[in-house]
Amino acid sequence: MRRFGIVLICLCVLSACGTFASVRPLSPTPTVEPAGPAALTLDGDPARGEQLFRVGANNAPPCLSCHALAESRFGLGPVMLGVEPRVSSRRPGMTAKEYLYQSITDPKQYVVPGYRDIMPGVYRELYDDQSIADLIAFLLSR
């Protein structure tokens, strides 16, 4: 219930700012197989990943609810600008792609210092491997 309240507040703030005004929602996928490590081997589509980031799909909250795409004073999660150089060194032994995969599918494994442990752990169940790969491709293109 607490997560729902946080997401609802974020969506209200973004809605008031007109964030969703120019974004067209993706068609929902009727059946989704839970994401697995295969997402790390797929080529992602950054354009589709951006749509997922901005709008979400399959009732998953959009990443933009908490993560800004540019430097900002407001943000419940880290800013998604210059992601690859920052995350490449964050967890020794993990590539940027592996780190992002883990952060999306199992966010409780590592919480960036200075941020609260509030990211919903629903993306593994609500996004398939290709969607996770698309989202990672978008983030690495920032």
C-alpha atoms as a PDB file:
ATOM      1  CA  MET A   1       0.000   0.000   0.000  1.00  0.00           C
ATOM      2  CA  ARG A   2       2.897   2.335   0.797  1.00  0.00           C
ATOM      3  CA  ARG A   3       4.395   1.824  -2.682  1.00  0.00           C
ATOM      4  CA  PHE A   4       1.073   2.623  -4.275  1.00  0.00           C
ATOM      5  CA  GLY A   5       0.899   5.912  -2.352  1.00  0.00           C
ATOM      6  CA  ILE A   6       4.404   6.905  -3.421  1.00  0.00           C
ATOM      7  CA  VAL A   7       3.720   6.055  -7.056  1.00  0.00           C
ATOM      8  CA  LEU A   8       0.403   7.900  -6.930  1.00  0.00           C
ATOM      9  CA  ILE A   9       2.090  11.038  -5.547  1.00  0.00           C
ATOM     10  CA  CYS A  10       4.787  10.884  -8.242  1.00  0.00           C
ATOM     11  CA  LEU A  11       2.205  10.460 -10.982  1.00  0.00           C
ATOM     12  CA  CYS A  12       0.211  13.402  -9.650  1.00  0.00           C
ATOM     13  CA  VAL A  13       3.300  15.611  -9.640  1.00  0.00           C
ATOM     14  CA  LEU A  14       4.253  14.580 -13.166  1.00  0.00           C
ATOM     15  CA  SER A  15       0.708  14.943 -14.404  1.00  0.00           C
ATOM     16  CA  ALA A  16       0.515  18.460 -12.987  1.00  0.00           C
ATOM     17  CA  CYS A  17       3.734  19.304 -14.832  1.00  0.00           C
ATOM     18  CA  GLY A  18       2.261  18.089 -18.109  1.00  0.00           C
ATOM     19  CA  THR A  19       4.840  15.307 -18.459  1.00  0.00           C
ATOM     20  CA  PHE A  20       2.417  12.860 -20.033  1.00  0.00           C
ATOM     21  CA  ALA A  21       0.805  15.338 -22.420  1.00  0.00           C
ATOM     22  CA  SER A  22       2.899  14.434 -25.462  1.00  0.00           C
ATOM     23  CA  VAL A  23       3.519  10.748 -24.801  1.00  0.00           C
ATOM     24  CA  ARG A  24       1.453   8.058 -26.467  1.00  0.00           C
ATOM     25  CA  PRO A  25       0.996   4.909 -24.340  1.00  0.00           C
ATOM     26  CA  LEU A  26       2.255   1.558 -25.607  1.00  0.00           C
ATOM     27  CA  SER A  27      -0.268  -1.140 -26.398  1.00  0.00           C
ATOM     28  CA  PRO A  28      -0.450  -3.533 -23.472  1.00  0.00           C
ATOM     29  CA  THR A  29       1.032  -6.979 -24.000  1.00  0.00           C
ATOM     30  CA  PRO A  30      -1.647  -9.612 -23.370  1.00  0.00           C
ATOM     31  CA  THR A  31       0.674 -12.220 -21.805  1.00  0.00           C
ATOM     32  CA  VAL A  32       4.090 -11.494 -20.362  1.00  0.00           C
ATOM     33  CA  GLU A  33       6.696 -14.104 -19.512  1.00  0.00           C
ATOM     34  CA  PRO A  34       8.749 -12.904 -16.526  1.00  0.00           C
ATOM     35  CA  ALA A  35      12.082 -11.373 -17.497  1.00  0.00           C
ATOM     36  CA  GLY A  36      15.189 -13.444 -17.007  1.00  0.00           C
ATOM     37  CA  PRO A  37      18.904 -13.216 -17.752  1.00  0.00           C
ATOM     38  CA  ALA A  38      18.104 -13.643 -21.478  1.00  0.00           C
ATOM     39  CA  ALA A  39      17.381  -9.906 -21.414  1.00  0.00           C
ATOM     40  CA  LEU A  40      21.149  -9.389 -21.189  1.00  0.00           C
ATOM     41  CA  THR A  41      21.766 -11.152 -24.517  1.00  0.00           C
ATOM     42  CA  LEU A  42      19.082  -9.410 -26.580  1.00  0.00           C
ATOM     43  CA  ASP A  43      19.586  -6.305 -28.683  1.00  0.00           C
ATOM     44  CA  GLY A  44      17.435  -3.585 -27.198  1.00  0.00           C
ATOM     45  CA  ASP A  45      15.479  -0.921 -29.059  1.00  0.00           C
ATOM     46  CA  PRO A  46      16.264   2.440 -27.378  1.00  0.00           C
ATOM     47  CA  ALA A  47      13.158   4.099 -28.882  1.00  0.00           C
ATOM     48  CA  ARG A  48      10.851   1.488 -27.378  1.00  0.00           C
ATOM     49  CA  GLY A  49      12.861   1.644 -24.155  1.00  0.00           C
ATOM     50  CA  GLU A  50      12.205   5.386 -23.985  1.00  0.00           C
ATOM     51  CA  GLN A  51       8.472   4.753 -24.326  1.00  0.00           C
ATOM     52  CA  LEU A  52       8.648   2.241 -21.480  1.00  0.00           C
ATOM     53  CA  PHE A  53      10.655   4.705 -19.394  1.00  0.00           C
ATOM     54  CA  ARG A  54       8.182   7.527 -19.974  1.00  0.00           C
ATOM     55  CA  VAL A  55       4.861   5.666 -19.969  1.00  0.00           C
ATOM     56  CA  GLY A  56       5.379   2.163 -18.600  1.00  0.00           C
ATOM     57  CA  ALA A  57       3.405  -0.865 -19.779  1.00  0.00           C
ATOM     58  CA  ASN A  58       1.426  -3.760 -18.334  1.00  0.00           C
ATOM     59  CA  ASN A  59       0.452  -1.656 -15.307  1.00  0.00           C
ATOM     60  CA  ALA A  60       4.092  -1.098 -14.334  1.00  0.00           C
ATOM     61  CA  PRO A  61       4.781   2.423 -13.091  1.00  0.00           C
ATOM     62  CA  PRO A  62       6.781   4.497 -15.566  1.00  0.00           C
ATOM     63  CA  CYS A  63      10.408   5.050 -14.574  1.00  0.00           C
ATOM     64  CA  LEU A  64       9.913   8.778 -15.146  1.00  0.00           C
ATOM     65  CA  SER A  65       7.732   8.796 -12.035  1.00  0.00           C
ATOM     66  CA  CYS A  66      10.893   8.830  -9.933  1.00  0.00           C
ATOM     67  CA  HIS A  67      13.878   9.181 -12.290  1.00  0.00           C
ATOM     68  CA  ALA A  68      14.591  12.417 -14.172  1.00  0.00           C
ATOM     69  CA  LEU A  69      16.159  12.402 -17.634  1.00  0.00           C
ATOM     70  CA  ALA A  70      18.130  15.597 -16.989  1.00  0.00           C
ATOM     71  CA  GLU A  71      19.712  17.258 -13.990  1.00  0.00           C
ATOM     72  CA  SER A  72      16.962  18.168 -11.562  1.00  0.00           C
ATOM     73  CA  ARG A  73      16.565  19.153  -7.953  1.00  0.00           C
ATOM     74  CA  PHE A  74      13.578  16.830  -7.629  1.00  0.00           C
ATOM     75  CA  GLY A  75      13.994  13.099  -7.887  1.00  0.00           C
ATOM     76  CA  LEU A  76      13.115  10.132  -5.767  1.00  0.00           C
ATOM     77  CA  GLY A  77      15.661   8.081  -7.710  1.00  0.00           C
ATOM     78  CA  PRO A  78      18.985   8.810  -9.415  1.00  0.00           C
ATOM     79  CA  VAL A  79      19.007  10.987 -12.546  1.00  0.00           C
ATOM     80  CA  MET A  80      19.234   8.992 -15.761  1.00  0.00           C
ATOM     81  CA  LEU A  81      21.790  11.176 -17.514  1.00  0.00           C
ATOM     82  CA  GLY A  82      25.286   9.838 -18.146  1.00  0.00           C
ATOM     83  CA  VAL A  83      24.250   6.459 -16.808  1.00  0.00           C
ATOM     84  CA  GLU A  84      26.895   4.173 -18.303  1.00  0.00           C
ATOM     85  CA  PRO A  85      30.030   5.782 -16.835  1.00  0.00           C
ATOM     86  CA  ARG A  86      28.416   6.048 -13.398  1.00  0.00           C
ATOM     87  CA  VAL A  87      27.068   2.522 -13.165  1.00  0.00           C
ATOM     88  CA  SER A  88      30.083   0.842 -14.776  1.00  0.00           C
ATOM     89  CA  SER A  89      32.083   1.411 -11.613  1.00  0.00           C
ATOM     90  CA  ARG A  90      29.310   1.205  -9.050  1.00  0.00           C
ATOM     91  CA  ARG A  91      29.437  -2.566  -8.484  1.00  0.00           C
ATOM     92  CA  PRO A  92      32.865  -4.144  -9.084  1.00  0.00           C
ATOM     93  CA  GLY A  93      32.687  -7.139 -11.426  1.00  0.00           C
ATOM     94  CA  MET A  94      29.414  -6.046 -13.059  1.00  0.00           C
ATOM     95  CA  THR A  95      29.065  -4.451 -16.459  1.00  0.00           C
ATOM     96  CA  ALA A  96      26.777  -1.452 -16.845  1.00  0.00           C
ATOM     97  CA  LYS A  97      24.242  -3.687 -18.596  1.00  0.00           C
ATOM     98  CA  GLU A  98      24.319  -6.261 -15.766  1.00  0.00           C
ATOM     99  CA  TYR A  99      24.002  -3.527 -13.155  1.00  0.00           C
ATOM    100  CA  LEU A 100      20.988  -1.976 -14.893  1.00  0.00           C
ATOM    101  CA  TYR A 101      19.368  -5.384 -15.311  1.00  0.00           C
ATOM    102  CA  GLN A 102      19.743  -6.075 -11.593  1.00  0.00           C
ATOM    103  CA  SER A 103      18.579  -2.578 -10.660  1.00  0.00           C
ATOM    104  CA  ILE A 104      15.421  -2.980 -12.741  1.00  0.00           C
ATOM    105  CA  THR A 105      14.555  -6.577 -11.852  1.00  0.00           C
ATOM    106  CA  ASP A 106      15.781  -6.757  -8.253  1.00  0.00           C
ATOM    107  CA  PRO A 107      16.191  -3.181  -6.987  1.00  0.00           C
ATOM    108  CA  LYS A 108      16.660  -4.175  -3.358  1.00  0.00           C
ATOM    109  CA  GLN A 109      20.052  -5.786  -4.118  1.00  0.00           C
ATOM    110  CA  TYR A 110      21.742  -2.390  -4.231  1.00  0.00           C
ATOM    111  CA  VAL A 111      20.394   1.033  -3.317  1.00  0.00           C
ATOM    112  CA  VAL A 112      22.429   4.036  -4.431  1.00  0.00           C
ATOM    113  CA  PRO A 113      23.725   5.910  -1.376  1.00  0.00           C
ATOM    114  CA  GLY A 114      21.602   8.960  -0.637  1.00  0.00           C
ATOM    115  CA  TYR A 115      18.376   7.382  -1.955  1.00  0.00           C
ATOM    116  CA  ARG A 116      15.669   5.431  -0.183  1.00  0.00           C
ATOM    117  CA  ASP A 117      14.775   1.819  -0.947  1.00  0.00           C
ATOM    118  CA  ILE A 118      11.455   2.624  -2.629  1.00  0.00           C
ATOM    119  CA  MET A 119      11.772   1.296  -6.181  1.00  0.00           C
ATOM    120  CA  PRO A 120       9.011  -1.215  -6.868  1.00  0.00           C
ATOM    121  CA  GLY A 121      10.228  -4.721  -7.579  1.00  0.00           C
ATOM    122  CA  VAL A 122       7.516  -5.437 -10.145  1.00  0.00           C
ATOM    123  CA  TYR A 123       9.352  -5.040 -13.431  1.00  0.00           C
ATOM    124  CA  ARG A 124      10.625  -8.645 -13.652  1.00  0.00           C
ATOM    125  CA  GLU A 125       7.035  -9.893 -13.557  1.00  0.00           C
ATOM    126  CA  LEU A 126       5.464  -7.170 -15.709  1.00  0.00           C
ATOM    127  CA  TYR A 127       8.086  -6.832 -18.465  1.00  0.00           C
ATOM    128  CA  ASP A 128       9.387  -9.582 -20.723  1.00  0.00           C
ATOM    129  CA  ASP A 129      13.044 -10.030 -21.673  1.00  0.00           C
ATOM    130  CA  GLN A 130      12.765  -7.830 -24.766  1.00  0.00           C
ATOM    131  CA  SER A 131      11.168  -4.984 -22.797  1.00  0.00           C
ATOM    132  CA  ILE A 132      13.948  -5.098 -20.199  1.00  0.00           C
ATOM    133  CA  ALA A 133      16.550  -5.146 -23.004  1.00  0.00           C
ATOM    134  CA  ASP A 134      14.827  -2.147 -24.632  1.00  0.00           C
ATOM    135  CA  LEU A 135      14.806  -0.218 -21.368  1.00  0.00           C
ATOM    136  CA  ILE A 136      18.480  -0.962 -20.754  1.00  0.00           C
ATOM    137  CA  ALA A 137      19.366   0.109 -24.323  1.00  0.00           C
ATOM    138  CA  PHE A 138      17.589   3.421 -23.758  1.00  0.00           C
ATOM    139  CA  LEU A 139      19.333   4.044 -20.439  1.00  0.00           C
ATOM    140  CA  LEU A 140      22.751   3.269 -21.913  1.00  0.00           C
ATOM    141  CA  SER A 141      22.063   5.728 -24.737  1.00  0.00           C
ATOM    142  CA  ARG A 142      21.604   8.619 -22.283  1.00  0.00           C
END
